[in-house]
Amino acid sequence: MPHDRKLVLGGVSLTLAKIRPASANSAAASRVRDDLEREMVASGYLEGAPFKWVSLIVRYGLVDEPEPSYGAINQKHGDLPLAIEVDVQNLLGVSEDDMALVYRRATLAALIHAGEKYGLKTDALRALLSPS
């Protein structure tokens, strides 16, 4: 199904932990996706990229990975598939805002790493990663 998204987030559990409420988890991920997608477009992140959009799977596991895993660029659909593990403990029993911070850090880490790998503009994203 075609879409106009430049960033798509999904999640998969590597543990038996249940992130509750699911609606807050989904809202947090969607908010981060929308914010960072806007920044990707505004900063020209995708200019000259060998892909049209980024799909990021957040793996709910036991560690916070500093960099993503890469899949091959999908020539048919144009996406760069990435995955990054986050410590699910940081998503349990917390507010939607705290969930959003976890997604934001992981997504920024993945986008910046991919941007460096492919020689893309990452300054604006890097500025968002810095503590305010």
Protein backbone atom coordinates (compact mmCIF):
# COMPACT_ATOMS: atom_id res chain seq x y z
CA MET A 1 0.00 0.00 0.00
CA PRO A 2 1.56 3.32 -1.06
CA HIS A 3 2.03 6.07 1.49
CA ASP A 4 3.71 9.45 1.76
CA ARG A 5 5.57 8.74 4.98
CA LYS A 6 9.32 9.36 5.25
CA LEU A 7 9.56 7.58 8.61
CA VAL A 8 7.61 4.54 9.76
CA LEU A 9 7.98 3.10 13.26
CA GLY A 10 6.98 -0.36 14.41
CA GLY A 11 7.74 -2.50 17.41
CA VAL A 12 8.37 -6.12 18.30
CA SER A 13 8.80 -7.65 21.73
CA LEU A 14 11.83 -9.78 22.53
CA THR A 15 10.56 -10.41 26.07
CA LEU A 16 7.28 -11.32 27.77
CA ALA A 17 6.88 -7.79 29.19
CA LYS A 18 3.65 -5.98 28.36
CA ILE A 19 3.82 -2.24 27.77
CA ARG A 20 0.69 -0.69 29.24
CA PRO A 21 -1.38 1.13 28.42
CA ALA A 22 -0.99 0.15 24.78
CA SER A 23 -2.77 3.32 23.69
CA ALA A 24 -0.13 5.50 25.40
CA ASN A 25 2.65 3.45 23.83
CA SER A 26 1.13 3.85 20.38
CA ALA A 27 0.48 7.56 20.88
CA ALA A 28 4.06 8.14 22.06
CA ALA A 29 5.54 6.35 19.04
CA SER A 30 3.22 8.20 16.65
CA ARG A 31 4.08 11.57 18.15
CA VAL A 32 7.81 10.89 17.82
CA ARG A 33 7.35 9.65 14.26
CA ASP A 34 5.47 12.79 13.27
CA ASP A 35 7.96 15.15 14.94
CA LEU A 36 11.08 13.50 13.56
CA GLU A 37 9.59 12.98 10.11
CA ARG A 38 8.91 16.73 9.95
CA GLU A 39 12.53 17.38 10.95
CA MET A 40 13.83 14.92 8.34
CA VAL A 41 11.96 16.79 5.62
CA ALA A 42 12.80 20.29 6.87
CA SER A 43 16.51 19.53 7.26
CA GLY A 44 16.90 17.85 3.88
CA TYR A 45 17.96 14.58 5.53
CA LEU A 46 16.82 12.47 2.56
CA GLU A 47 18.40 14.64 -0.15
CA GLY A 48 20.74 12.45 -2.16
CA ALA A 49 19.85 9.34 -0.15
CA PRO A 50 19.74 5.99 -1.97
CA PHE A 51 16.37 5.37 -0.25
CA LYS A 52 13.08 7.31 -0.12
CA TRP A 53 12.05 6.60 3.44
CA VAL A 54 13.13 4.84 6.62
CA SER A 55 11.33 1.99 8.39
CA LEU A 56 12.48 1.49 11.96
CA ILE A 57 11.51 -1.50 14.06
CA VAL A 58 11.98 -0.88 17.77
CA ARG A 59 12.86 -4.14 19.49
CA TYR A 60 11.59 -4.24 23.08
CA GLY A 61 14.46 -6.13 24.69
CA LEU A 62 16.93 -5.92 27.56
CA VAL A 63 19.50 -3.36 26.36
CA ASP A 64 19.62 0.07 24.76
CA GLU A 65 21.58 -0.43 21.55
CA PRO A 66 23.69 2.56 20.53
CA GLU A 67 23.30 1.87 16.81
CA PRO A 68 20.79 0.15 14.55
CA SER A 69 20.89 -3.05 12.55
CA TYR A 70 20.49 -2.57 8.81
CA GLY A 71 18.51 -4.44 6.21
CA ALA A 72 19.07 -4.09 2.50
CA ILE A 73 17.43 -1.09 0.85
CA ASN A 74 14.14 -2.28 -0.61
CA GLN A 75 14.37 -1.41 -4.30
CA LYS A 76 10.66 -2.04 -4.89
CA HIS A 77 9.32 0.13 -2.07
CA GLY A 78 12.29 2.47 -1.54
CA ASP A 79 12.75 2.01 2.20
CA LEU A 80 15.83 1.54 4.32
CA PRO A 81 14.89 -1.05 6.97
CA LEU A 82 16.48 -0.43 10.36
CA ALA A 83 16.00 -2.04 13.77
CA ILE A 84 17.20 -0.95 17.19
CA GLU A 85 16.77 -2.54 20.60
CA VAL A 86 15.57 -0.59 23.62
CA ASP A 87 15.43 -1.77 27.22
CA VAL A 88 11.75 -2.52 27.75
CA GLN A 89 12.14 -1.67 31.46
CA ASN A 90 12.28 2.00 30.41
CA LEU A 91 8.78 1.68 28.93
CA LEU A 92 7.06 -0.11 31.83
CA GLY A 93 4.92 1.85 34.26
CA VAL A 94 5.86 5.25 32.84
CA SER A 95 3.91 8.13 31.36
CA GLU A 96 3.30 8.64 27.66
CA ASP A 97 5.81 11.50 27.73
CA ASP A 98 8.48 9.21 29.19
CA MET A 99 7.69 6.60 26.54
CA ALA A 100 8.10 9.28 23.87
CA LEU A 101 11.57 10.12 25.22
CA VAL A 102 12.64 6.49 24.81
CA TYR A 103 11.34 6.40 21.24
CA ARG A 104 12.89 9.76 20.44
CA ARG A 105 16.38 8.78 21.64
CA ALA A 106 16.30 5.43 19.83
CA THR A 107 14.92 6.89 16.60
CA LEU A 108 17.40 9.76 16.57
CA ALA A 109 20.29 7.35 17.23
CA ALA A 110 19.17 5.17 14.32
CA LEU A 111 18.61 8.08 11.91
CA ILE A 112 21.91 9.74 12.75
CA HIS A 113 23.82 6.48 12.36
CA ALA A 114 22.16 5.83 8.98
CA GLY A 115 22.76 9.43 7.94
CA GLU A 116 26.46 9.10 8.69
CA LYS A 117 26.65 5.79 6.83
CA TYR A 118 25.06 7.27 3.71
CA GLY A 119 26.58 10.78 3.90
CA LEU A 120 23.32 12.58 4.67
CA LYS A 121 22.64 15.83 6.52
CA THR A 122 22.46 14.98 10.23
CA ASP A 123 23.22 18.28 11.99
CA ALA A 124 19.59 19.13 12.73
CA LEU A 125 18.88 15.63 14.07
CA ARG A 126 22.08 15.65 16.09
CA ALA A 127 21.01 18.94 17.70
CA LEU A 128 17.77 17.29 18.80
CA LEU A 129 19.70 14.46 20.47
CA SER A 130 21.64 16.87 22.66
CA PRO A 131 20.14 17.42 26.13
CA SER A 132 18.21 20.66 26.35
